[in-house]
Protein backbone atom coordinates (compact mmCIF):
# COMPACT_ATOMS: atom_id res chain seq x y z
CA MET A 1 26.60 0.85 51.86
CA LYS A 2 24.31 -0.08 55.63
CA SER A 3 22.10 3.21 54.57
CA LYS A 4 21.64 2.31 50.87
CA LEU A 5 20.44 -1.27 52.86
CA TYR A 6 17.96 0.12 55.24
CA VAL A 7 16.43 2.06 52.65
CA LEU A 8 15.77 -0.85 50.44
CA LEU A 9 14.53 -2.81 53.33
CA THR A 10 12.15 0.00 53.71
CA LEU A 11 10.72 0.03 50.48
CA LEU A 12 10.16 -3.94 49.97
CA ILE A 13 8.22 -3.78 53.47
CA SER A 14 6.14 -1.09 52.36
CA CYS A 15 4.93 -2.75 49.73
CA PHE A 16 2.94 -5.18 51.80
CA LEU A 17 1.59 -2.72 53.62
CA ILE A 18 -0.31 -0.85 51.28
CA SER A 19 -4.04 0.15 51.16
CA ASN A 20 -6.80 -0.94 49.14
CA SER A 21 -7.55 0.77 45.93
CA ALA A 22 -11.53 -0.28 46.46
CA GLN A 23 -13.87 -1.14 48.97
CA PRO A 24 -13.63 -4.78 49.50
CA GLY A 25 -16.63 -7.28 49.24
CA VAL A 26 -19.24 -8.95 46.63
CA TRP A 27 -20.62 -5.85 44.22
CA ASN A 28 -24.37 -6.22 41.86
CA ALA A 29 -25.05 -9.45 43.04
CA GLY A 30 -28.53 -10.45 42.50
CA GLY A 31 -29.64 -11.81 46.06
CA SER A 32 -32.93 -11.57 48.10
CA GLY A 33 -34.05 -11.14 51.90
CA SER A 34 -36.54 -11.42 54.23
CA PHE A 35 -39.76 -9.08 54.13
CA THR A 36 -39.03 -5.83 56.21
CA LEU A 37 -41.28 -3.32 57.90
CA LEU A 38 -41.36 -0.16 55.78
CA TYR A 39 -44.09 2.44 56.71
CA PRO A 40 -44.53 4.19 59.83
CA GLU A 41 -48.02 3.23 60.38
CA ASP A 42 -47.34 -0.35 60.79
CA THR A 43 -44.79 0.39 63.43
CA ILE A 44 -47.39 -0.47 65.89
CA ALA A 45 -46.87 -4.46 64.70
CA TYR A 46 -43.13 -4.21 64.85
CA LYS A 47 -42.05 -7.38 67.51
CA LYS A 48 -45.68 -8.40 67.50
CA ILE A 49 -45.41 -10.84 64.54
CA GLN A 50 -43.14 -13.29 64.97
CA MET A 51 -41.35 -15.52 61.78
CA LYS A 52 -42.01 -18.70 63.03
CA SER A 53 -39.90 -20.60 60.35
CA GLU A 54 -38.61 -20.34 56.55
CA ASN A 55 -37.38 -22.93 53.80
CA ILE A 56 -35.73 -21.02 51.09
CA TYR A 57 -35.06 -22.57 47.53
CA MET A 58 -32.68 -21.37 45.13
CA GLN A 59 -31.94 -22.99 41.66
CA LEU A 60 -28.44 -21.26 40.06
CA TYR A 61 -27.97 -21.07 36.46
CA LYS A 62 -25.72 -19.76 34.57
CA GLY A 63 -26.36 -16.15 34.76
CA PHE A 64 -29.22 -15.67 36.34
CA ALA A 65 -30.83 -17.42 39.65
CA THR A 66 -34.97 -18.98 40.51
CA VAL A 67 -36.02 -18.37 44.24
CA LYS A 68 -38.35 -19.78 45.94
CA GLY A 69 -39.43 -18.48 49.61
CA ASN A 70 -41.91 -20.10 51.95
CA TYR A 71 -42.16 -18.39 55.14
CA TYR A 72 -44.47 -19.00 58.00
CA PHE A 73 -45.59 -16.00 60.45
CA LYS A 74 -47.32 -16.06 63.09
CA ASN A 75 -49.36 -12.97 64.96
CA THR A 76 -48.72 -13.57 68.98
CA SER A 77 -50.65 -10.41 69.10
CA LYS A 78 -55.32 -10.84 69.90
CA ASP A 79 -55.68 -8.14 67.57
CA THR A 80 -55.59 -8.85 63.30
CA LEU A 81 -52.28 -6.99 62.10
CA LYS A 82 -52.70 -5.65 58.37
CA ILE A 83 -49.35 -4.05 57.31
CA LYS A 84 -47.08 -3.88 54.39
CA VAL A 85 -44.21 -5.68 53.64
CA GLY A 86 -41.50 -6.00 50.93
CA TYR A 87 -38.62 -6.66 49.14
CA PRO A 88 -35.91 -4.49 48.18
CA ILE A 89 -34.79 -4.03 44.64
CA ASN A 90 -31.15 -2.76 45.55
CA ASN A 91 -29.37 -2.08 48.27
CA VAL A 92 -25.77 -1.93 50.46
CA PHE A 93 -25.31 -4.54 53.58
CA GLU A 94 -22.10 -4.80 55.86
CA ASN A 95 -21.06 -7.81 55.74
CA ILE A 96 -22.17 -9.02 59.78
CA GLU A 97 -18.95 -11.83 59.62
CA PHE A 98 -16.18 -10.31 58.17
CA HIS A 99 -16.89 -6.04 58.90
CA HIS A 100 -14.49 -5.11 56.33
CA GLN A 101 -16.30 -6.44 53.55
CA VAL A 102 -19.70 -5.07 51.80
CA ASN A 103 -22.58 -6.33 50.01
CA GLU A 104 -23.76 -4.53 47.24
CA VAL A 105 -27.35 -6.53 46.63
CA ARG A 106 -29.05 -5.30 43.05
CA VAL A 107 -32.22 -7.13 42.15
CA ASP A 108 -32.78 -6.38 38.17
CA GLY A 109 -36.51 -4.71 38.04
CA LEU A 110 -37.63 -7.62 35.74
CA TYR A 111 -37.40 -10.27 37.65
CA LYS A 112 -41.52 -11.22 37.71
CA ILE A 113 -41.75 -11.36 41.46
CA LYS A 114 -45.04 -12.79 42.67
CA GLY A 115 -46.52 -13.26 46.49
CA LEU A 116 -49.02 -15.89 47.54
CA VAL A 117 -50.77 -15.63 50.92
CA ASN A 118 -51.94 -19.28 52.10
CA LYS A 119 -51.79 -20.26 48.32
CA ILE A 120 -53.39 -17.39 47.26
CA GLU A 121 -51.60 -14.94 44.74
CA ALA A 122 -51.35 -11.48 46.60
CA LYS A 123 -52.15 -8.36 44.41
CA LEU A 124 -48.43 -6.10 44.73
CA TYR A 125 -49.36 -3.08 46.57
CA LYS A 126 -46.97 -0.93 45.09
CA LYS A 127 -44.72 -1.21 42.50
CA PRO A 128 -41.58 -0.13 42.18
CA ASN A 129 -40.44 3.21 40.63
CA HIS A 130 -36.59 3.10 40.11
CA LYS A 131 -36.46 7.11 40.27
CA LYS A 132 -38.25 7.25 43.95
CA ASP A 133 -39.05 3.62 45.22
CA ASN A 134 -37.03 1.03 46.13
CA TRP A 135 -39.20 -2.00 46.97
CA TYR A 136 -41.78 -4.31 46.02
CA VAL A 137 -44.88 -4.19 48.38
CA TRP A 138 -47.75 -6.06 49.60
CA GLN A 139 -50.20 -5.83 52.81
CA VAL A 140 -50.81 -8.49 54.27
CA ALA A 141 -53.32 -9.34 56.91
CA PHE A 142 -52.05 -11.68 60.22
CA PRO A 143 -55.26 -12.97 62.13
CA PRO A 144 -54.41 -13.34 65.59
CA ASN A 145 -52.68 -17.13 66.98
CA LYS A 146 -52.72 -18.12 63.61
CA ILE A 147 -49.82 -19.12 60.88
CA THR A 148 -49.79 -17.38 57.83
CA GLU A 149 -47.69 -18.54 55.08
CA PHE A 150 -46.52 -16.06 52.72
CA THR A 151 -44.83 -17.63 49.20
CA VAL A 152 -42.56 -15.86 47.04
CA TYR A 153 -40.98 -16.66 43.26
CA PHE A 154 -38.85 -14.78 41.48
CA LEU A 155 -35.99 -14.50 38.93
CA VAL A 156 -32.77 -12.38 39.75
CA ASN A 157 -29.68 -11.64 37.70
CA THR A 158 -26.60 -13.25 38.82
CA ASN A 159 -24.25 -11.95 35.83
CA ASN A 160 -23.25 -8.87 36.97
CA ALA A 161 -21.72 -9.08 39.88
CA LYS A 162 -17.88 -8.71 41.05
CA THR A 163 -15.67 -9.23 44.03
CA THR A 164 -13.30 -7.04 44.85
CA GLU A 165 -10.61 -7.19 47.53
CA GLY A 166 -8.23 -4.41 47.39
CA TYR A 167 -6.24 -4.35 44.26
CA GLU A 168 -8.12 -7.75 43.07
CA SER A 169 -11.09 -8.19 41.24
CA ASP A 170 -13.15 -11.21 39.75
CA LYS A 171 -15.93 -10.75 37.41
CA LYS A 172 -18.41 -13.47 38.78
CA ASN A 173 -22.34 -15.17 39.04
CA ALA A 174 -23.32 -14.10 42.71
CA PHE A 175 -25.97 -14.32 44.41
CA ILE A 176 -26.78 -12.70 48.49
CA TYR A 177 -29.72 -14.56 50.41
CA LEU A 178 -29.75 -11.72 53.41
CA ILE A 179 -30.51 -13.72 56.53
CA GLU A 180 -29.83 -10.16 58.54
CA THR A 181 -33.30 -9.05 58.03
CA GLY A 182 -34.86 -12.10 59.66
CA SER A 183 -33.95 -9.85 62.99
CA ILE A 184 -36.46 -7.23 62.40
CA TRP A 185 -39.57 -9.81 62.88
CA LYS A 186 -40.49 -10.94 66.76
CA SER A 187 -37.83 -13.72 67.65
CA PRO A 188 -36.54 -16.22 67.69
CA ILE A 189 -36.99 -18.11 64.02
CA GLU A 190 -37.49 -21.27 65.09
CA LYS A 191 -36.01 -22.94 62.09
CA GLY A 192 -34.70 -22.31 58.36
CA ASN A 193 -33.66 -24.30 55.86
CA PHE A 194 -31.63 -23.57 52.95
CA TYR A 195 -31.57 -25.47 49.30
CA THR A 196 -29.04 -24.56 46.78
CA GLN A 197 -29.38 -26.63 43.58
CA PHE A 198 -26.98 -25.83 40.87
CA LYS A 199 -28.11 -25.75 36.78
CA ASP A 200 -26.51 -25.92 33.70
CA LYS A 201 -23.78 -28.51 34.68
CA ILE A 202 -22.23 -25.92 36.72
CA SER A 203 -19.32 -27.61 39.11
CA ILE A 204 -19.37 -27.45 42.43
CA LYS A 205 -15.05 -27.01 41.80
CA ASN A 206 -15.64 -23.21 40.94
CA VAL A 207 -17.83 -22.37 43.84
CA LYS A 208 -16.91 -20.66 46.65
CA THR A 209 -19.51 -19.39 49.83
CA SER A 210 -19.57 -17.39 52.96
CA THR A 211 -22.28 -19.42 55.40
CA PRO A 212 -23.83 -18.60 58.70
CA THR A 213 -22.70 -22.57 59.53
CA VAL A 214 -21.73 -25.77 58.40
CA LEU A 215 -22.89 -26.41 54.53
CA TYR A 216 -23.71 -29.89 53.68
CA PHE A 217 -23.26 -31.16 49.47
CA ASP A 218 -25.13 -33.85 47.52
CA LYS A 219 -23.80 -34.41 44.67
CA LYS A 220 -26.01 -36.82 42.97
CA SER A 221 -28.77 -34.13 43.00
CA ALA A 222 -26.09 -30.72 43.53
CA THR A 223 -27.27 -29.90 45.88
CA LEU A 224 -25.71 -27.40 48.57
CA ASN A 225 -27.52 -27.16 52.20
CA PHE A 226 -27.64 -25.41 55.54
CA THR A 227 -30.13 -25.18 58.22
CA LEU A 228 -30.62 -22.62 61.29
CA SER A 229 -32.23 -22.92 64.57
CA ASN A 230 -33.14 -20.42 67.35
CA TYR A 231 -32.09 -17.50 65.14
CA GLY A 232 -33.07 -13.98 64.26
CA LYS A 233 -32.01 -12.47 67.76
CA LYS A 234 -29.74 -10.12 66.15
CA PRO A 235 -28.49 -9.84 63.08
CA ASP A 236 -27.05 -13.69 61.21
CA PRO A 237 -24.72 -14.02 58.93
CA ASN A 238 -25.43 -13.76 55.06
CA PHE A 239 -25.24 -16.17 52.91
CA VAL A 240 -23.22 -15.56 49.48
CA ILE A 241 -22.32 -17.96 46.93
CA THR A 242 -20.24 -17.24 43.51
CA TYR A 243 -19.91 -19.65 40.30
CA GLY A 244 -18.74 -19.39 36.98
CA LYS A 245 -17.93 -16.58 35.25
CA LYS A 246 -19.69 -13.69 33.76
CA LEU A 247 -21.19 -14.41 30.40
CA SER A 248 -20.96 -11.90 28.10
CA ASN A 249 -23.84 -10.95 25.52
CA PHE A 250 -26.09 -12.17 28.25
CA ASN A 251 -30.39 -10.87 27.99
CA PHE A 252 -31.75 -11.42 31.38
CA GLU A 253 -34.86 -10.19 30.00
CA ASN A 254 -35.57 -13.30 27.42
CA ILE A 255 -35.31 -15.14 30.65
CA THR A 256 -37.68 -13.60 32.40
CA LYS A 257 -40.26 -14.46 29.27
CA ASN A 258 -39.82 -17.95 30.20
CA SER A 259 -40.66 -17.40 34.23
CA SER A 260 -43.17 -19.95 34.44
CA ALA A 261 -41.35 -23.03 33.02
CA TYR A 262 -38.63 -21.72 35.78
CA PHE A 263 -41.26 -21.10 39.00
CA ASN A 264 -42.84 -24.66 37.82
CA GLU A 265 -39.27 -26.11 38.34
CA ILE A 266 -38.32 -24.68 41.00
CA ASP A 267 -41.55 -26.02 42.82
CA THR A 268 -40.82 -29.67 41.50
CA PHE A 269 -37.47 -28.90 43.28
CA SER A 270 -38.93 -27.91 46.76
CA LYS A 271 -41.18 -30.81 46.97
CA GLU A 272 -38.29 -33.11 47.18
CA ASN A 273 -37.68 -35.23 50.16
CA PHE A 274 -34.45 -34.01 51.15
CA LYS A 275 -34.64 -35.90 54.35
CA ILE A 276 -33.62 -39.00 51.98
CA VAL A 277 -31.05 -37.15 50.24
CA ASN A 278 -27.27 -37.75 51.01
CA PHE A 279 -25.88 -34.72 52.06
CA LYS A 280 -22.17 -34.54 53.45
CA GLU A 281 -20.54 -32.16 55.01
CA ILE A 282 -18.17 -29.91 52.53
CA SER A 283 -15.58 -27.16 52.48
CA LEU A 284 -15.52 -24.06 50.36
CA PRO A 285 -13.13 -21.10 49.16
CA ASN A 286 -14.47 -17.79 50.93
CA ALA A 287 -16.51 -16.26 48.48
CA TYR A 288 -14.55 -13.12 49.54
CA LYS A 289 -11.22 -14.02 48.65
CA VAL A 290 -9.94 -13.02 44.91
CA GLY A 291 -8.56 -15.74 42.77
CA VAL A 292 -5.91 -13.33 40.72
CA ILE A 293 -2.65 -11.84 41.41
CA SER A 294 -2.25 -10.75 45.06
CA ASN A 295 -2.46 -7.69 46.55
CA LYS A 296 0.90 -7.90 47.66
CA THR A 297 2.43 -8.87 44.34
CA ILE A 298 0.93 -5.87 43.00
CA GLY A 299 2.24 -3.86 45.41
CA PHE A 300 5.74 -4.74 45.60
CA LEU A 301 5.52 -4.11 41.69
CA PHE A 302 4.37 -0.52 41.94
CA TYR A 303 6.86 0.06 44.49
CA LEU A 304 9.49 -1.54 42.27
CA SER A 305 8.26 0.83 39.15
CA VAL A 306 8.31 3.71 41.03
CA TYR A 307 11.09 3.58 43.17
CA GLY A 308 13.11 0.44 42.88
CA ILE A 309 14.23 0.65 38.83
CA PRO A 310 15.74 4.48 39.81
CA PHE A 311 16.93 3.48 43.03
CA PHE A 312 18.77 0.33 41.15
CA THR A 313 19.67 2.33 38.23
CA ILE A 314 21.78 4.78 40.51
CA LEU A 315 23.51 2.10 42.32
CA ILE A 316 24.50 0.70 39.37
CA VAL A 317 25.83 3.98 38.51
CA ILE A 318 27.80 4.30 41.44
CA SER A 319 29.26 0.69 41.21
CA LEU A 320 30.41 1.45 38.22
CA LEU A 321 32.06 5.11 39.06
CA ILE A 322 33.87 3.47 41.88
CA LEU A 323 35.41 0.19 39.52
CA LEU A 324 36.35 3.23 36.91
CA TYR A 325 38.20 4.71 39.59
CA LYS A 326 39.77 1.98 40.82
CA LYS A 327 40.87 1.52 37.40
CA ILE A 328 42.77 4.70 36.66
CA LYS A 329 44.00 4.87 40.80
CA LYS A 330 46.03 1.87 39.32
């Protein structure tokens, strides 16, 4: 009987040691990030241009998001530097804070991206070809010892995301802002302000986040905020947010047709006086945690079905035979 108990205990313990069935992380999430140097001939400018600060505004809707980024660069050299900078269409990034997690940042090509240099709209240097090119690119001139403002607007599809953790999976709306790519510029980034507003009556109760620092929330304006300073010296943790449920029959192309209205809306949002907003510290669930049946439970059921049922069947048969033998012996 002792040997049978040991076998049973071994089976139960192994249920909780079962490995993940898939790479954990947030997949197919709409996202954005700081600009990246793209061409070998531009390496002469590497670490000569400092991103002094950035102000990022995000408005989350059911199924999509609008983004506006204001970036302020300083050319610290004595010469004008003309380089190509860009945004990726999609990529895979390891999570800085949770090293076993992965973020796949996927941006739909219909997102109506536009960039402005010192408030004047810039022409796209090269439009992406999904088979050969993964970038939206602008060519920007940075005068010596001057601040150059680059503003970017775009819409992004957040409806196709999935959070995976072992056997678990949540189909949620998800958005990622890639703070880690800011480290490519001359460091440090002196200050960054990040504001995320919930639209379409999205409830904060359904929101999960992963943030690089303390998070604040204003209930009246339904806005999350965090601030960074003296960063970009190394890849920093990204901002990840999941919210709501996946919408069926969602047509993102129809949303992009109304891009001007959404850009006007986020312009208004970006001009608010956030100094008078009543932000209070808030703690939200981890965006990488999936809220369904746990891995341990599924592992237990798996091993129970494969080994447990035959084991207990044999145990019952042996018990019945022992009882039958005792009756016959009497």
